[in-house]
Protein backbone atom coordinates (compact mmCIF):
# COMPACT_ATOMS: atom_id res chain seq x y z
CA UNK A 1 -17.02 5.10 21.24
CA UNK A 2 -17.77 6.78 18.08
CA UNK A 3 -15.04 8.12 16.51
CA UNK A 4 -11.57 7.04 14.72
CA UNK A 5 -10.00 9.31 17.10
CA UNK A 6 -11.20 7.36 20.14
CA UNK A 7 -10.62 4.19 18.52
CA UNK A 8 -7.06 4.97 17.80
CA UNK A 9 -6.90 5.90 21.57
CA UNK A 10 -7.88 2.67 22.53
CA UNK A 11 -5.76 0.68 20.44
CA UNK A 12 -2.66 2.73 21.28
CA UNK A 13 -3.57 2.31 25.23
CA UNK A 14 -4.49 -1.50 24.30
CA UNK A 15 -1.00 -1.95 22.44
CA UNK A 16 1.08 0.00 25.45
CA UNK A 17 -0.46 -2.06 27.99
CA UNK A 18 -1.83 0.63 29.68
CA UNK A 19 -6.02 -1.04 30.28
CA UNK A 20 -7.03 -4.45 30.60
CA UNK A 21 -8.86 -4.53 27.86
CA UNK A 22 -8.96 -7.38 24.78
CA UNK A 23 -8.90 -7.11 21.34
CA UNK A 24 -12.51 -8.47 21.43
CA UNK A 25 -13.52 -6.07 23.92
CA UNK A 26 -12.66 -3.22 21.74
CA UNK A 27 -14.16 -4.52 18.63
CA UNK A 28 -17.51 -4.92 20.59
CA UNK A 29 -17.19 -1.06 21.01
CA UNK A 30 -16.48 -0.29 17.28
CA UNK A 31 -18.17 -2.79 15.45
CA UNK A 32 -21.21 -0.97 15.85
CA UNK A 33 -19.93 2.16 13.86
CA UNK A 34 -17.92 -0.09 11.46
CA UNK A 35 -20.82 -2.60 10.13
CA UNK A 36 -23.36 0.93 9.89
CA UNK A 37 -24.62 1.64 7.00
CA UNK A 38 -24.13 4.91 4.88
CA UNK A 39 -26.15 5.88 1.82
CA UNK A 40 -23.37 5.18 -1.20
CA UNK A 41 -22.81 8.35 -3.54
CA UNK A 42 -20.49 10.19 -6.00
CA UNK A 43 -17.59 11.67 -4.46
CA UNK A 44 -15.45 13.25 -7.14
CA UNK A 45 -15.57 12.36 -10.89
CA UNK A 46 -15.27 8.42 -11.33
CA UNK A 47 -14.51 7.55 -7.89
CA UNK A 48 -17.98 6.53 -5.52
CA UNK A 49 -18.17 5.93 -1.89
CA UNK A 50 -19.34 2.14 -0.91
CA UNK A 51 -18.35 2.15 2.36
CA UNK A 52 -19.96 1.58 5.68
CA UNK A 53 -20.23 4.50 8.18
CA UNK A 54 -16.81 3.46 10.08
CA UNK A 55 -14.79 2.41 7.53
CA UNK A 56 -14.06 3.74 3.81
CA UNK A 57 -14.20 1.57 0.74
CA UNK A 58 -14.56 3.02 -2.79
CA UNK A 59 -15.42 1.89 -6.24
CA UNK A 60 -13.72 3.77 -9.14
CA UNK A 61 -15.36 3.48 -12.80
CA UNK A 62 -13.09 3.04 -15.95
CA UNK A 63 -13.68 2.59 -19.27
CA UNK A 64 -13.02 -1.37 -19.04
CA UNK A 65 -15.02 -1.84 -15.76
CA UNK A 66 -14.44 -1.22 -12.02
CA UNK A 67 -11.92 -0.88 -9.58
CA UNK A 68 -12.69 -1.94 -5.98
CA UNK A 69 -10.64 -0.03 -3.10
CA UNK A 70 -10.20 -2.22 0.18
CA UNK A 71 -13.47 -3.84 1.65
CA UNK A 72 -15.03 -3.69 5.28
CA UNK A 73 -15.13 -6.44 8.01
CA UNK A 74 -16.44 -10.06 6.71
CA UNK A 75 -19.93 -8.94 8.15
CA UNK A 76 -20.21 -5.85 5.91
CA UNK A 77 -19.48 -7.55 2.57
CA UNK A 78 -23.03 -8.06 1.43
CA UNK A 79 -23.71 -4.50 2.48
CA UNK A 80 -20.95 -3.32 0.44
CA UNK A 81 -22.25 -5.28 -2.73
CA UNK A 82 -25.56 -3.65 -2.27
CA UNK A 83 -23.98 -0.25 -2.47
CA UNK A 84 -22.18 -0.93 -5.69
CA UNK A 85 -25.43 -2.03 -7.29
CA UNK A 86 -27.47 0.84 -5.77
CA UNK A 87 -25.38 2.97 -7.49
CA UNK A 88 -26.28 1.26 -10.68
CA UNK A 89 -22.82 -1.00 -10.81
CA UNK A 90 -22.29 -4.48 -10.98
CA UNK A 91 -20.33 -6.59 -8.82
CA UNK A 92 -19.32 -8.30 -11.65
CA UNK A 93 -18.08 -5.91 -13.39
CA UNK A 94 -15.25 -5.31 -10.84
CA UNK A 95 -12.02 -6.20 -12.85
CA UNK A 96 -9.13 -5.26 -10.36
CA UNK A 97 -9.16 -5.08 -6.36
CA UNK A 98 -6.51 -2.77 -4.66
CA UNK A 99 -5.66 -3.21 -0.88
CA UNK A 100 -4.33 -0.39 1.02
CA UNK A 101 -3.28 -2.36 3.86
CA UNK A 102 -3.54 -6.04 4.94
CA UNK A 103 -5.87 -5.44 8.51
CA UNK A 104 -8.82 -7.21 9.14
CA UNK A 105 -11.05 -3.74 8.62
CA UNK A 106 -10.26 -3.33 5.27
CA UNK A 107 -9.48 -6.51 3.82
CA UNK A 108 -12.54 -8.74 4.84
CA UNK A 109 -14.39 -9.12 2.04
CA UNK A 110 -11.63 -9.89 -0.74
CA UNK A 111 -11.98 -13.69 -0.56
CA UNK A 112 -15.54 -13.52 -1.28
CA UNK A 113 -15.70 -10.42 -4.01
CA UNK A 114 -12.47 -12.08 -5.62
CA UNK A 115 -14.17 -15.62 -5.95
CA UNK A 116 -17.62 -14.29 -7.28
CA UNK A 117 -15.54 -11.49 -9.59
CA UNK A 118 -12.40 -13.25 -10.60
CA UNK A 119 -10.93 -9.57 -9.68
CA UNK A 120 -6.83 -9.45 -9.68
CA UNK A 121 -6.15 -8.62 -6.28
CA UNK A 122 -3.06 -5.84 -6.10
CA UNK A 123 -1.53 -5.39 -2.93
CA UNK A 124 2.15 -3.94 -1.49
CA UNK A 125 4.48 -6.34 -1.49
CA UNK A 126 5.55 -6.84 1.68
CA UNK A 127 1.71 -7.33 2.96
CA UNK A 128 1.22 -10.39 0.32
CA UNK A 129 2.65 -12.93 3.30
CA UNK A 130 -0.27 -11.07 5.60
CA UNK A 131 -3.22 -11.28 3.24
CA UNK A 132 -2.34 -15.10 2.47
CA UNK A 133 -2.20 -15.89 5.51
CA UNK A 134 -5.08 -13.68 6.56
CA UNK A 135 -3.08 -12.93 9.87
CA UNK A 136 -2.15 -9.63 11.47
CA UNK A 137 1.23 -8.86 11.41
CA UNK A 138 3.35 -9.92 14.87
CA UNK A 139 0.38 -11.53 16.18
CA UNK A 140 -0.68 -14.15 13.84
CA UNK A 141 -2.44 -16.40 16.39
CA UNK A 142 -4.96 -14.14 17.27
CA UNK A 143 -7.96 -15.18 15.38
CA UNK A 144 -10.14 -11.62 16.44
CA UNK A 145 -7.89 -9.94 14.06
CA UNK A 146 -7.61 -12.45 11.16
CA UNK A 147 -9.74 -12.73 8.15
CA UNK A 148 -10.37 -14.76 5.58
CA UNK A 149 -7.14 -15.45 3.41
CA UNK A 150 -6.75 -14.38 0.12
CA UNK A 151 -4.67 -14.83 -3.24
CA UNK A 152 -2.51 -12.12 -3.89
CA UNK A 153 -2.02 -12.18 -7.70
CA UNK A 154 0.24 -9.10 -8.55
CA UNK A 155 2.61 -7.05 -5.71
CA UNK A 156 3.75 -3.45 -6.25
CA UNK A 157 6.48 -1.43 -4.85
CA UNK A 158 7.32 2.38 -4.96
CA UNK A 159 6.02 4.11 -8.36
CA UNK A 160 3.93 0.91 -9.79
CA UNK A 161 1.39 1.71 -11.75
CA UNK A 162 -1.86 -0.01 -12.52
CA UNK A 163 -4.03 0.59 -15.39
CA UNK A 164 -7.76 -0.20 -16.25
CA UNK A 165 -9.12 1.17 -19.46
CA UNK A 166 -8.30 4.88 -19.38
CA UNK A 167 -7.72 5.05 -15.37
CA UNK A 168 -4.43 4.72 -14.06
CA UNK A 169 -3.36 4.73 -10.41
CA UNK A 170 0.00 4.92 -9.01
CA UNK A 171 1.30 3.02 -5.89
CA UNK A 172 3.39 4.85 -3.17
CA UNK A 173 5.03 2.54 -0.42
CA UNK A 174 3.97 4.17 2.96
CA UNK A 175 4.87 1.69 5.60
CA UNK A 176 4.21 1.91 9.04
CA UNK A 177 1.42 0.78 9.90
CA UNK A 178 1.61 -2.41 7.87
CA UNK A 179 4.56 -3.51 6.36
CA UNK A 180 3.35 -3.03 2.88
CA UNK A 181 1.03 -0.24 3.34
CA UNK A 182 0.23 1.73 0.15
CA UNK A 183 -1.09 4.79 -0.74
CA UNK A 184 -2.48 5.24 -4.08
CA UNK A 185 -2.82 8.52 -6.38
CA UNK A 186 -4.86 9.16 -9.35
CA UNK A 187 -5.68 12.11 -11.20
CA UNK A 188 -9.47 13.18 -11.82
CA UNK A 189 -11.29 15.62 -13.48
CA UNK A 190 -13.46 18.43 -11.16
CA UNK A 191 -14.98 20.57 -13.88
CA UNK A 192 -12.78 22.01 -16.14
CA UNK A 193 -9.54 21.21 -13.28
CA UNK A 194 -7.72 18.29 -12.78
CA UNK A 195 -7.27 17.18 -9.37
CA UNK A 196 -4.67 14.78 -7.65
CA UNK A 197 -6.58 12.53 -5.30
CA UNK A 198 -4.83 10.18 -2.94
CA UNK A 199 -6.04 6.96 -1.02
CA UNK A 200 -3.62 7.78 2.07
CA UNK A 201 -3.06 3.65 3.19
CA UNK A 202 -2.98 5.18 6.95
CA UNK A 203 -0.24 6.41 9.38
CA UNK A 204 -1.61 5.44 12.92
CA UNK A 205 -0.04 3.45 14.95
CA UNK A 206 -3.16 1.22 16.50
CA UNK A 207 -2.37 -2.11 17.92
CA UNK A 208 1.78 -1.77 16.54
CA UNK A 209 4.64 -2.42 18.75
CA UNK A 210 7.35 0.33 18.25
CA UNK A 211 9.98 -1.07 20.55
CA UNK A 212 10.85 -4.41 22.43
CA UNK A 213 9.56 -6.83 20.25
CA UNK A 214 8.19 -4.19 17.21
CA UNK A 215 5.24 -5.82 15.08
CA UNK A 216 7.55 -5.44 12.17
CA UNK A 217 11.10 -4.98 11.59
CA UNK A 218 12.22 -1.39 10.97
CA UNK A 219 8.83 -0.14 11.78
CA UNK A 220 9.80 3.16 13.42
CA UNK A 221 11.99 4.28 10.28
CA UNK A 222 9.07 3.07 8.25
CA UNK A 223 7.13 5.56 10.05
CA UNK A 224 9.55 8.34 9.78
CA UNK A 225 10.04 7.52 5.99
CA UNK A 226 5.92 8.02 5.34
CA UNK A 227 5.29 10.87 7.10
CA UNK A 228 8.29 12.78 4.99
CA UNK A 229 7.04 11.30 2.15
CA UNK A 230 3.53 12.17 2.31
CA UNK A 231 3.75 16.27 3.92
CA UNK A 232 5.74 16.33 0.38
CA UNK A 233 3.44 15.42 -1.66
CA UNK A 234 1.11 17.94 -3.56
CA UNK A 235 -2.45 16.48 -3.26
CA UNK A 236 -5.78 18.10 -3.78
CA UNK A 237 -8.23 15.50 -2.37
CA UNK A 238 -7.74 13.28 0.79
CA UNK A 239 -9.31 10.05 0.91
CA UNK A 240 -8.56 7.45 3.78
CA UNK A 241 -9.58 4.03 5.06
CA UNK A 242 -11.74 5.86 7.59
CA UNK A 243 -14.22 8.70 7.29
CA UNK A 244 -13.16 10.26 9.89
CA UNK A 245 -9.63 10.83 8.24
CA UNK A 246 -11.00 13.19 5.94
CA UNK A 247 -14.05 14.48 7.52
CA UNK A 248 -16.25 12.10 5.13
CA UNK A 249 -19.87 13.01 6.50
CA UNK A 250 -19.21 16.55 7.09
CA UNK A 251 -18.36 17.07 3.62
CA UNK A 252 -20.87 14.61 2.30
CA UNK A 253 -23.53 16.98 3.61
CA UNK A 254 -21.72 20.16 2.49
CA UNK A 255 -22.16 18.73 -1.48
CA UNK A 256 -24.45 20.89 -3.57
CA UNK A 257 -25.48 21.13 -7.28
CA UNK A 258 -23.07 23.81 -8.66
CA UNK A 259 -21.06 24.34 -5.64
CA UNK A 260 -17.24 23.70 -5.42
CA UNK A 261 -16.51 20.34 -4.55
CA UNK A 262 -16.02 20.20 -0.53
CA UNK A 263 -13.73 16.95 -1.05
CA UNK A 264 -10.87 19.25 -2.70
CA UNK A 265 -8.86 20.48 -0.06
CA UNK A 266 -5.36 21.15 -1.14
CA UNK A 267 -2.93 20.86 2.19
CA UNK A 268 -4.95 19.00 3.96
CA UNK A 269 -2.92 15.59 3.39
CA UNK A 270 0.09 17.33 5.25
CA UNK A 271 -1.84 18.80 7.69
CA UNK A 272 -3.03 15.37 8.69
CA UNK A 273 0.23 14.09 8.20
CA UNK A 274 1.99 16.09 10.47
CA UNK A 275 -1.00 15.08 13.44
CA UNK A 276 -0.02 11.62 13.11
CA UNK A 277 3.92 12.43 12.99
CA UNK A 278 2.82 14.15 16.59
CA UNK A 279 0.95 11.57 17.43
CA UNK A 280 3.40 8.83 16.48
CA UNK A 281 6.18 10.50 18.58
CA UNK A 282 4.10 10.74 21.63
CA UNK A 283 3.39 6.82 21.29
CA UNK A 284 6.66 5.72 20.44
CA UNK A 285 7.98 8.00 24.32
CA UNK A 286 5.08 6.19 25.80
CA UNK A 287 6.03 2.49 24.66
CA UNK A 288 9.38 3.51 25.12
CA UNK A 289 8.91 4.09 28.53
CA UNK A 290 6.90 0.94 29.40
CA UNK A 291 9.41 -0.91 28.55
CA UNK A 292 12.12 0.51 30.60
CA UNK A 293 9.91 0.21 33.24
CA UNK A 294 9.42 -2.86 32.65
CA UNK A 295 5.54 -2.89 31.67
């Protein structure tokens, strides 16, 4: 399975019971890409990509140290630290760790990096219990999608701000994919222009149950509110938890000195959110039909 779209499809089918595939089988398919290396690079202004070929991780350089945005599966923690060092940064300079959502593929290195650096971990309030138990919501006993538990130092809700040095990020509650799914907005310089960047948490259905015994209470309303919110946002640079969300590899290949930054693409977020919403409606209909048919 080579693309996020394929992974999402597999997860959706698994969640709806449409195929006899275990989570372990699924992970065997995607883990190769999720743990494959990708050369770290400066994405725009003080934002750097230090993730893998299949999972996005970012470093934000500030005047008072580094902010780490998400991490990968536990197996990739060493690689991520190597990528940070390759860019000339010190892992020990990480002062703040931000989380988009408490799923195993974006939280696996938190405990190790937090212990090593003493950094403050900040996450959406509704995801705190998941991070501190190392579990997936609604499937807490499934160790295949668990991760090392980690203490959350601060929780945020809509509009809360996180500042380190001269850099400030604003938290936007975008629940659905996880209860406390949080998207982070900041302003960067692109030449003489200011650009609004959004680290979009996610809006895919993935393993989530929408009906019957939903993964978390109010999940359908959560998704719908998130789609409405992000479609209305004015964002110049869309980033996300997986490279395929924003065609990272293709844009990276298109970067050239003196040319416009290909990551600047106003309107991309609204287009992407509309696509997510259409897929959500299909998944909701599929899960509802399966429930009615007793499957």
